[in-house]
C-alpha cells in the first residue's frame, strides 16, 4: 500500500506507470522473463487471478479493443521476425558446414598459432 495522502505517496503515484500490453517505446526493447514473477510458479492452480485490462474495462476504460488489435499486430510482427531469425541462423550454420572443407588448411595454420 502506498500512503497516497502524503506528499511522498502522491509523488510515488505520479511516477508510477501502468500499461496493458507493450507500448511503442518498449516494444522494440528485448524482453526478459522474471521467473520469480511468473503466475505459473507463484499461484496455486486453484487460485483466482485477474488481468488489469479486464478490470479496467469493467470500470469504464474504453480502449480494450484498441489494445487487443495493437497487440495482435505486434505478435504478428514478432512471429515474422522470429521465423526470419531462425532461417538466418540455419543458413549461417549451413554456410559454415559448406565452407568447412575449403578453409580446413587455413584453420590448421590458425590453430597452430593457438587460436580457434
N, C-alpha and C. Protein backbone atom coordinates (compact mmCIF):
# COMPACT_ATOMS: atom_id res chain seq x y z
N UNK A 1 0.83 -1.18 0.00
CA UNK A 1 0.00 0.00 0.00
C UNK A 1 0.88 1.24 0.00
N UNK A 2 0.47 2.23 -0.78
CA UNK A 2 1.19 3.49 -0.86
C UNK A 2 0.40 4.53 -0.07
N UNK A 3 1.09 5.30 0.79
CA UNK A 3 0.38 6.34 1.53
C UNK A 3 0.04 7.51 0.61
N UNK A 4 -1.06 7.39 -0.13
CA UNK A 4 -1.38 8.35 -1.18
C UNK A 4 -1.75 9.73 -0.66
N UNK A 5 -2.02 9.87 0.63
CA UNK A 5 -2.40 11.18 1.17
C UNK A 5 -1.19 12.01 1.56
N UNK A 6 -0.05 11.40 1.66
CA UNK A 6 1.15 12.16 1.98
C UNK A 6 1.80 12.65 0.70
N UNK A 7 2.70 13.62 0.85
CA UNK A 7 3.38 14.17 -0.32
C UNK A 7 4.25 13.10 -0.99
N UNK A 8 4.93 12.32 -0.16
CA UNK A 8 5.80 11.26 -0.67
C UNK A 8 4.99 10.22 -1.44
N UNK A 9 3.82 9.85 -0.92
CA UNK A 9 2.98 8.87 -1.59
C UNK A 9 2.38 9.40 -2.88
N UNK A 10 1.98 10.68 -2.88
CA UNK A 10 1.42 11.29 -4.09
C UNK A 10 2.48 11.35 -5.19
N UNK A 11 3.72 11.68 -4.82
CA UNK A 11 4.79 11.71 -5.81
C UNK A 11 5.08 10.30 -6.34
N UNK A 12 5.00 9.31 -5.47
CA UNK A 12 5.23 7.93 -5.91
C UNK A 12 4.16 7.50 -6.90
N UNK A 13 2.91 7.87 -6.65
CA UNK A 13 1.84 7.52 -7.58
C UNK A 13 1.98 8.27 -8.90
N UNK A 14 2.51 9.50 -8.86
CA UNK A 14 2.74 10.25 -10.10
C UNK A 14 3.81 9.59 -10.95
N UNK A 15 4.81 8.96 -10.31
CA UNK A 15 5.89 8.31 -11.05
C UNK A 15 5.50 6.94 -11.58
N UNK A 16 4.44 6.36 -11.05
CA UNK A 16 4.05 5.01 -11.44
C UNK A 16 3.44 4.99 -12.84
N UNK A 17 3.84 4.01 -13.64
CA UNK A 17 3.29 3.81 -14.97
C UNK A 17 2.70 2.42 -15.03
N UNK A 18 1.51 2.31 -15.59
CA UNK A 18 0.85 1.02 -15.74
C UNK A 18 0.41 0.91 -17.19
N UNK A 19 0.76 -0.19 -17.84
CA UNK A 19 0.43 -0.41 -19.24
C UNK A 19 -0.31 -1.74 -19.38
N UNK A 20 -1.21 -1.79 -20.34
CA UNK A 20 -1.82 -3.05 -20.73
C UNK A 20 -1.27 -3.36 -22.11
N UNK A 21 -0.55 -4.43 -22.23
CA UNK A 21 0.15 -4.71 -23.49
C UNK A 21 1.55 -4.12 -23.42
N UNK A 22 2.17 -3.94 -24.58
CA UNK A 22 3.51 -3.38 -24.63
C UNK A 22 3.44 -2.11 -25.48
N UNK A 23 3.60 -0.93 -24.88
CA UNK A 23 3.50 0.31 -25.64
C UNK A 23 4.71 0.51 -26.55
N UNK A 24 4.59 1.43 -27.48
CA UNK A 24 5.57 1.59 -28.55
C UNK A 24 7.01 1.85 -28.08
N UNK A 25 7.30 2.66 -27.07
CA UNK A 25 8.72 2.82 -26.77
C UNK A 25 9.37 1.57 -26.20
N UNK A 26 8.57 0.67 -25.63
CA UNK A 26 9.12 -0.53 -25.01
C UNK A 26 8.99 -1.77 -25.89
N UNK A 27 8.25 -1.68 -26.98
CA UNK A 27 8.05 -2.86 -27.82
C UNK A 27 9.30 -3.23 -28.60
N UNK A 28 10.21 -2.28 -28.79
CA UNK A 28 11.44 -2.55 -29.54
C UNK A 28 12.54 -3.11 -28.66
N UNK A 29 12.41 -3.00 -27.35
CA UNK A 29 13.44 -3.49 -26.45
C UNK A 29 13.32 -5.00 -26.27
N UNK A 30 14.45 -5.60 -25.96
CA UNK A 30 14.44 -7.04 -25.72
C UNK A 30 13.70 -7.32 -24.42
N UNK A 31 12.80 -8.28 -24.47
CA UNK A 31 12.02 -8.62 -23.29
C UNK A 31 12.70 -9.74 -22.51
N UNK A 32 12.52 -9.68 -21.21
CA UNK A 32 13.14 -10.65 -20.34
C UNK A 32 12.05 -11.31 -19.49
N UNK A 33 12.28 -12.53 -19.11
CA UNK A 33 11.35 -13.25 -18.25
C UNK A 33 11.90 -13.18 -16.82
N UNK A 34 11.04 -12.79 -15.91
CA UNK A 34 11.41 -12.77 -14.49
C UNK A 34 10.77 -14.00 -13.85
N UNK A 35 11.54 -15.04 -13.60
CA UNK A 35 10.95 -16.28 -13.11
C UNK A 35 10.21 -16.12 -11.78
N UNK A 36 10.68 -15.22 -10.94
CA UNK A 36 10.03 -15.05 -9.64
C UNK A 36 8.67 -14.38 -9.76
N UNK A 37 8.33 -13.85 -10.95
CA UNK A 37 7.04 -13.18 -11.13
C UNK A 37 6.07 -13.99 -11.99
N UNK A 38 6.44 -15.19 -12.40
CA UNK A 38 5.56 -15.99 -13.24
C UNK A 38 4.35 -16.49 -12.46
N UNK A 39 3.19 -16.32 -13.06
CA UNK A 39 1.95 -16.75 -12.42
C UNK A 39 1.94 -18.25 -12.19
N UNK A 40 2.51 -19.00 -13.11
CA UNK A 40 2.53 -20.46 -13.00
C UNK A 40 3.32 -20.91 -11.77
N UNK A 41 4.37 -20.17 -11.45
CA UNK A 41 5.20 -20.55 -10.31
C UNK A 41 4.70 -19.98 -8.99
N UNK A 42 4.07 -18.82 -9.03
CA UNK A 42 3.69 -18.14 -7.80
C UNK A 42 2.29 -18.49 -7.30
N UNK A 43 1.35 -18.76 -8.20
CA UNK A 43 -0.02 -19.03 -7.78
C UNK A 43 -0.30 -20.53 -7.83
N UNK A 44 -1.06 -20.99 -6.88
CA UNK A 44 -1.51 -22.37 -6.92
C UNK A 44 -2.57 -22.50 -8.01
N UNK A 45 -2.77 -23.71 -8.49
CA UNK A 45 -3.66 -23.92 -9.64
C UNK A 45 -5.10 -23.50 -9.36
N UNK A 46 -5.56 -23.65 -8.16
CA UNK A 46 -6.97 -23.35 -7.88
C UNK A 46 -7.21 -21.88 -7.58
N UNK A 47 -6.16 -21.07 -7.44
CA UNK A 47 -6.31 -19.67 -7.09
C UNK A 47 -6.88 -18.87 -8.25
N UNK A 48 -7.69 -17.90 -7.92
CA UNK A 48 -8.23 -17.00 -8.93
C UNK A 48 -7.25 -15.86 -9.14
N UNK A 49 -7.25 -15.29 -10.34
CA UNK A 49 -6.38 -14.16 -10.64
C UNK A 49 -7.15 -13.22 -11.56
N UNK A 50 -6.64 -12.02 -11.70
CA UNK A 50 -7.30 -11.04 -12.57
C UNK A 50 -6.26 -10.41 -13.49
N UNK A 51 -6.75 -9.83 -14.57
CA UNK A 51 -5.91 -9.15 -15.53
C UNK A 51 -6.30 -7.67 -15.51
N UNK A 52 -5.31 -6.81 -15.54
CA UNK A 52 -5.54 -5.37 -15.43
C UNK A 52 -6.48 -4.85 -16.52
N UNK A 53 -6.34 -5.34 -17.74
CA UNK A 53 -7.17 -4.87 -18.85
C UNK A 53 -8.65 -5.18 -18.65
N UNK A 54 -8.94 -6.36 -18.13
CA UNK A 54 -10.34 -6.74 -17.90
C UNK A 54 -10.96 -5.90 -16.79
N UNK A 55 -10.22 -5.70 -15.71
CA UNK A 55 -10.74 -4.89 -14.61
C UNK A 55 -10.97 -3.45 -15.06
N UNK A 56 -10.02 -2.90 -15.81
CA UNK A 56 -10.16 -1.53 -16.30
C UNK A 56 -11.37 -1.40 -17.21
N UNK A 57 -11.58 -2.39 -18.07
CA UNK A 57 -12.73 -2.37 -18.97
C UNK A 57 -14.04 -2.40 -18.19
N UNK A 58 -14.07 -3.16 -17.12
CA UNK A 58 -15.28 -3.26 -16.32
C UNK A 58 -15.62 -1.96 -15.60
N UNK A 59 -14.62 -1.14 -15.32
CA UNK A 59 -14.90 0.12 -14.62
C UNK A 59 -14.96 1.31 -15.57
N UNK A 60 -14.93 1.06 -16.89
CA UNK A 60 -15.18 2.15 -17.82
C UNK A 60 -14.08 2.48 -18.80
N UNK A 61 -13.01 1.73 -18.84
CA UNK A 61 -11.94 2.01 -19.79
C UNK A 61 -12.41 1.65 -21.19
N UNK A 62 -12.17 2.53 -22.17
CA UNK A 62 -12.76 2.38 -23.49
C UNK A 62 -11.83 1.79 -24.55
N UNK A 63 -10.61 1.48 -24.19
CA UNK A 63 -9.62 1.14 -25.21
C UNK A 63 -9.17 -0.30 -25.19
N UNK A 64 -9.96 -1.18 -24.63
CA UNK A 64 -9.57 -2.58 -24.60
C UNK A 64 -9.46 -3.17 -26.00
N UNK A 65 -10.40 -2.84 -26.86
CA UNK A 65 -10.37 -3.34 -28.24
C UNK A 65 -9.17 -2.81 -29.02
N UNK A 66 -8.83 -1.55 -28.80
CA UNK A 66 -7.68 -0.95 -29.47
C UNK A 66 -6.40 -1.66 -29.06
N UNK A 67 -6.26 -1.90 -27.77
CA UNK A 67 -5.06 -2.58 -27.27
C UNK A 67 -4.99 -4.00 -27.81
N UNK A 68 -6.12 -4.67 -27.92
CA UNK A 68 -6.12 -6.04 -28.44
C UNK A 68 -5.68 -6.08 -29.90
N UNK A 69 -6.15 -5.12 -30.72
CA UNK A 69 -5.73 -5.10 -32.12
C UNK A 69 -4.25 -4.76 -32.25
N UNK A 70 -3.77 -3.80 -31.45
CA UNK A 70 -2.35 -3.46 -31.49
C UNK A 70 -1.49 -4.62 -31.02
N UNK A 71 -1.96 -5.32 -30.02
CA UNK A 71 -1.22 -6.47 -29.51
C UNK A 71 -1.18 -7.60 -30.55
N UNK A 72 -2.27 -7.77 -31.29
CA UNK A 72 -2.29 -8.78 -32.36
C UNK A 72 -1.30 -8.41 -33.46
N UNK A 73 -1.24 -7.13 -33.82
CA UNK A 73 -0.27 -6.68 -34.83
C UNK A 73 1.16 -6.90 -34.34
N UNK A 74 1.41 -6.58 -33.07
CA UNK A 74 2.75 -6.75 -32.51
C UNK A 74 3.16 -8.21 -32.52
N UNK A 75 2.22 -9.10 -32.18
CA UNK A 75 2.54 -10.53 -32.18
C UNK A 75 2.80 -11.05 -33.58
N UNK A 76 2.06 -10.53 -34.57
CA UNK A 76 2.29 -10.95 -35.96
C UNK A 76 3.68 -10.51 -36.41
N UNK A 77 4.05 -9.27 -36.10
CA UNK A 77 5.40 -8.80 -36.47
C UNK A 77 6.47 -9.60 -35.76
N UNK A 78 6.23 -9.92 -34.50
CA UNK A 78 7.19 -10.69 -33.73
C UNK A 78 7.36 -12.09 -34.31
N UNK A 79 6.28 -12.69 -34.76
CA UNK A 79 6.35 -14.03 -35.36
C UNK A 79 7.16 -14.01 -36.66
N UNK A 80 6.94 -12.98 -37.48
CA UNK A 80 7.71 -12.84 -38.73
C UNK A 80 9.19 -12.67 -38.41
N UNK A 81 9.50 -11.81 -37.44
CA UNK A 81 10.89 -11.59 -37.05
C UNK A 81 11.54 -12.87 -36.57
N UNK A 82 10.82 -13.63 -35.76
CA UNK A 82 11.38 -14.86 -35.20
C UNK A 82 11.63 -15.91 -36.28
N UNK A 83 10.71 -16.05 -37.23
CA UNK A 83 10.92 -17.03 -38.29
C UNK A 83 12.09 -16.65 -39.18
N UNK A 84 12.24 -15.37 -39.49
CA UNK A 84 13.39 -14.95 -40.30
C UNK A 84 14.69 -15.12 -39.53
N UNK A 85 14.65 -14.87 -38.22
CA UNK A 85 15.85 -15.05 -37.41
C UNK A 85 16.26 -16.52 -37.39
N UNK A 86 15.28 -17.43 -37.21
CA UNK A 86 15.59 -18.86 -37.23
C UNK A 86 16.15 -19.28 -38.59
N UNK A 87 15.56 -18.77 -39.67
CA UNK A 87 16.03 -19.12 -41.00
C UNK A 87 17.46 -18.62 -41.22
N UNK A 88 17.76 -17.40 -40.76
CA UNK A 88 19.11 -16.87 -40.92
C UNK A 88 20.14 -17.67 -40.12
N UNK A 89 19.77 -18.11 -38.93
CA UNK A 89 20.68 -18.94 -38.13
C UNK A 89 20.93 -20.27 -38.82
N UNK A 90 19.88 -20.83 -39.40
CA UNK A 90 20.02 -22.10 -40.10
C UNK A 90 20.90 -21.93 -41.36
N UNK A 91 20.71 -20.86 -42.10
CA UNK A 91 21.52 -20.60 -43.28
C UNK A 91 22.98 -20.35 -42.92
N UNK A 92 23.22 -19.67 -41.80
CA UNK A 92 24.59 -19.42 -41.36
C UNK A 92 25.29 -20.73 -41.00
N UNK A 93 24.57 -21.62 -40.30
CA UNK A 93 25.14 -22.92 -39.94
C UNK A 93 25.42 -23.75 -41.19
N UNK A 94 24.53 -23.68 -42.16
CA UNK A 94 24.73 -24.41 -43.41
C UNK A 94 25.93 -23.85 -44.17
N UNK A 95 26.09 -22.53 -44.16
CA UNK A 95 27.24 -21.92 -44.84
C UNK A 95 28.55 -22.31 -44.17
N UNK A 96 28.55 -22.38 -42.84
CA UNK A 96 29.75 -22.83 -42.13
C UNK A 96 30.11 -24.26 -42.50
N UNK A 97 29.09 -25.11 -42.60
CA UNK A 97 29.34 -26.50 -42.96
C UNK A 97 29.86 -26.61 -44.39
N UNK A 98 29.33 -25.78 -45.28
CA UNK A 98 29.78 -25.83 -46.68
C UNK A 98 31.22 -25.35 -46.83
N UNK A 99 31.63 -24.38 -46.02
CA UNK A 99 32.98 -23.82 -46.14
C UNK A 99 34.01 -24.55 -45.28
N UNK A 100 33.58 -25.48 -44.47
CA UNK A 100 34.50 -26.14 -43.54
C UNK A 100 35.65 -26.83 -44.28
N UNK A 101 35.37 -27.52 -45.40
CA UNK A 101 36.43 -28.22 -46.13
C UNK A 101 37.34 -27.24 -46.88
N UNK A 102 36.79 -26.14 -47.36
CA UNK A 102 37.61 -25.17 -48.10
C UNK A 102 38.61 -24.46 -47.19
N UNK A 103 38.21 -24.19 -45.96
CA UNK A 103 39.10 -23.44 -45.08
C UNK A 103 39.88 -24.34 -44.12
N UNK A 104 39.79 -25.65 -44.31
CA UNK A 104 40.46 -26.58 -43.40
C UNK A 104 41.97 -26.38 -43.34
N UNK A 105 42.67 -26.20 -44.45
CA UNK A 105 44.12 -26.00 -44.34
C UNK A 105 44.47 -24.70 -43.60
N UNK A 106 43.68 -23.67 -43.83
CA UNK A 106 43.94 -22.39 -43.15
C UNK A 106 43.61 -22.49 -41.66
N UNK A 107 42.60 -23.27 -41.37
CA UNK A 107 42.20 -23.45 -39.97
C UNK A 107 43.31 -24.16 -39.19
N UNK A 108 43.98 -25.12 -39.82
CA UNK A 108 45.08 -25.83 -39.14
C UNK A 108 46.22 -24.85 -38.83
N UNK A 109 46.49 -23.95 -39.75
CA UNK A 109 47.56 -22.95 -39.52
C UNK A 109 47.17 -22.05 -38.35
N UNK A 110 45.92 -21.61 -38.35
CA UNK A 110 45.45 -20.73 -37.27
C UNK A 110 45.49 -21.44 -35.93
N UNK A 111 45.09 -22.71 -35.90
CA UNK A 111 45.12 -23.48 -34.66
C UNK A 111 46.56 -23.73 -34.21
N UNK A 112 47.49 -23.78 -35.17
CA UNK A 112 48.90 -23.93 -34.82
C UNK A 112 49.44 -22.75 -34.04
N UNK A 113 48.87 -21.57 -34.28
CA UNK A 113 49.26 -20.36 -33.54
C UNK A 113 48.54 -20.26 -32.19
N UNK A 114 47.62 -21.15 -31.93
CA UNK A 114 46.93 -21.16 -30.64
C UNK A 114 45.54 -20.57 -30.65
N UNK A 115 45.02 -20.24 -31.82
CA UNK A 115 43.66 -19.70 -31.92
C UNK A 115 42.71 -20.78 -32.40
N UNK A 116 41.43 -20.50 -32.27
CA UNK A 116 40.45 -21.46 -32.77
C UNK A 116 39.67 -20.86 -33.89
